[in-house]
Amino acid sequence: MYRGIRAVLMAVLVVSSLWVGIGLGIASTERKPSAEVRSIGENRIEIWKGGVVVIWTTQENVTNWGDYIIVKGE
């Protein structure tokens, strides 16, 4: 009796886990990026919600000036 109940509960748990996992996988691929992206030459600028800015560039475009980092764009 207890084996049957345990087997049914395990089967329900396994099927539910697969169902939730597949649902999460589908939802994650449909999400839009939460950043505005601009590409200028070899520079890529991402402006994220919350005000975070990420700049992708090469090392020769980066200069330190005191406590600041200057990025030269063309």
C-alpha atoms as a PDB file:
ATOM      1  CA  MET A   1       0.000   0.000   0.000  1.00  0.00           C
ATOM      2  CA  TYR A   2       2.694   2.464   1.021  1.00  0.00           C
ATOM      3  CA  ARG A   3       4.857   1.498  -1.955  1.00  0.00           C
ATOM      4  CA  GLY A   4       2.030   2.348  -4.342  1.00  0.00           C
ATOM      5  CA  ILE A   5       1.417   5.739  -2.740  1.00  0.00           C
ATOM      6  CA  ARG A   6       5.138   6.493  -2.727  1.00  0.00           C
ATOM      7  CA  ALA A   7       5.469   5.472  -6.399  1.00  0.00           C
ATOM      8  CA  VAL A   8       2.553   7.700  -7.427  1.00  0.00           C
ATOM      9  CA  LEU A   9       3.949  10.663  -5.462  1.00  0.00           C
ATOM     10  CA  MET A  10       7.400  10.207  -7.021  1.00  0.00           C
ATOM     11  CA  ALA A  11       5.877  10.004 -10.512  1.00  0.00           C
ATOM     12  CA  VAL A  12       3.888  13.204  -9.911  1.00  0.00           C
ATOM     13  CA  LEU A  13       7.020  14.919  -8.582  1.00  0.00           C
ATOM     14  CA  VAL A  14       9.099  13.895 -11.609  1.00  0.00           C
ATOM     15  CA  VAL A  15       6.460  14.964 -14.138  1.00  0.00           C
ATOM     16  CA  SER A  16       5.902  18.274 -12.317  1.00  0.00           C
ATOM     17  CA  SER A  17       9.649  18.968 -12.260  1.00  0.00           C
ATOM     18  CA  LEU A  18       9.940  18.353 -15.991  1.00  0.00           C
ATOM     19  CA  TRP A  19       6.889  20.503 -16.700  1.00  0.00           C
ATOM     20  CA  VAL A  20       8.213  23.431 -14.644  1.00  0.00           C
ATOM     21  CA  GLY A  21      11.707  23.073 -16.135  1.00  0.00           C
ATOM     22  CA  ILE A  22      10.439  23.125 -19.697  1.00  0.00           C
ATOM     23  CA  GLY A  23       8.214  26.105 -18.902  1.00  0.00           C
ATOM     24  CA  LEU A  24      11.104  28.075 -17.434  1.00  0.00           C
ATOM     25  CA  GLY A  25      13.275  27.256 -20.431  1.00  0.00           C
ATOM     26  CA  ILE A  26      10.678  28.546 -22.862  1.00  0.00           C
ATOM     27  CA  ALA A  27      10.078  31.718 -20.842  1.00  0.00           C
ATOM     28  CA  SER A  28      13.776  32.584 -20.619  1.00  0.00           C
ATOM     29  CA  THR A  29      14.281  32.504 -24.392  1.00  0.00           C
ATOM     30  CA  GLU A  30      11.374  34.862 -25.040  1.00  0.00           C
ATOM     31  CA  ARG A  31      12.659  37.644 -22.773  1.00  0.00           C
ATOM     32  CA  LYS A  32      13.789  40.835 -24.430  1.00  0.00           C
ATOM     33  CA  PRO A  33      17.115  42.342 -23.372  1.00  0.00           C
ATOM     34  CA  SER A  34      16.729  44.937 -20.653  1.00  0.00           C
ATOM     35  CA  ALA A  35      19.394  47.193 -22.154  1.00  0.00           C
ATOM     36  CA  GLU A  36      19.468  49.708 -24.962  1.00  0.00           C
ATOM     37  CA  VAL A  37      22.424  48.768 -27.172  1.00  0.00           C
ATOM     38  CA  ARG A  38      24.310  51.091 -29.523  1.00  0.00           C
ATOM     39  CA  SER A  39      27.248  50.054 -31.702  1.00  0.00           C
ATOM     40  CA  ILE A  40      29.563  52.785 -32.985  1.00  0.00           C
ATOM     41  CA  GLY A  41      32.556  51.469 -34.904  1.00  0.00           C
ATOM     42  CA  GLU A  42      34.388  49.074 -32.599  1.00  0.00           C
ATOM     43  CA  ASN A  43      32.569  50.421 -29.520  1.00  0.00           C
ATOM     44  CA  ARG A  44      29.428  48.893 -28.041  1.00  0.00           C
ATOM     45  CA  ILE A  45      27.442  50.815 -25.413  1.00  0.00           C
ATOM     46  CA  GLU A  46      24.761  49.179 -23.251  1.00  0.00           C
ATOM     47  CA  ILE A  47      22.480  51.331 -21.098  1.00  0.00           C
ATOM     48  CA  TRP A  48      20.712  49.102 -18.567  1.00  0.00           C
ATOM     49  CA  LYS A  49      17.596  49.811 -16.544  1.00  0.00           C
ATOM     50  CA  GLY A  50      18.651  51.394 -13.269  1.00  0.00           C
ATOM     51  CA  GLY A  51      21.264  53.602 -14.943  1.00  0.00           C
ATOM     52  CA  VAL A  52      24.140  51.130 -15.320  1.00  0.00           C
ATOM     53  CA  VAL A  53      26.224  51.808 -18.435  1.00  0.00           C
ATOM     54  CA  VAL A  54      28.560  49.173 -19.917  1.00  0.00           C
ATOM     55  CA  ILE A  55      31.033  50.163 -22.640  1.00  0.00           C
ATOM     56  CA  TRP A  56      32.773  47.477 -24.710  1.00  0.00           C
ATOM     57  CA  THR A  57      35.843  48.717 -26.585  1.00  0.00           C
ATOM     58  CA  THR A  58      39.513  47.967 -27.245  1.00  0.00           C
ATOM     59  CA  GLN A  59      42.329  48.838 -24.825  1.00  0.00           C
ATOM     60  CA  GLU A  60      43.745  51.624 -27.014  1.00  0.00           C
ATOM     61  CA  ASN A  61      40.515  53.629 -26.578  1.00  0.00           C
ATOM     62  CA  VAL A  62      40.767  53.650 -22.753  1.00  0.00           C
ATOM     63  CA  THR A  63      42.729  56.299 -20.801  1.00  0.00           C
ATOM     64  CA  ASN A  64      43.034  56.918 -17.057  1.00  0.00           C
ATOM     65  CA  TRP A  65      42.820  60.533 -15.893  1.00  0.00           C
ATOM     66  CA  GLY A  66      43.074  60.789 -12.124  1.00  0.00           C
ATOM     67  CA  ASP A  67      40.173  58.864 -10.622  1.00  0.00           C
ATOM     68  CA  TYR A  68      38.313  58.748 -13.942  1.00  0.00           C
ATOM     69  CA  ILE A  69      38.389  56.354 -16.873  1.00  0.00           C
ATOM     70  CA  ILE A  70      38.029  58.096 -20.234  1.00  0.00           C
ATOM     71  CA  VAL A  71      36.731  56.155 -23.261  1.00  0.00           C
ATOM     72  CA  LYS A  72      37.514  57.670 -26.647  1.00  0.00           C
ATOM     73  CA  GLY A  73      34.956  56.930 -29.331  1.00  0.00           C
ATOM     74  CA  GLU A  74      35.160  57.592 -33.043  1.00  0.00           C
END
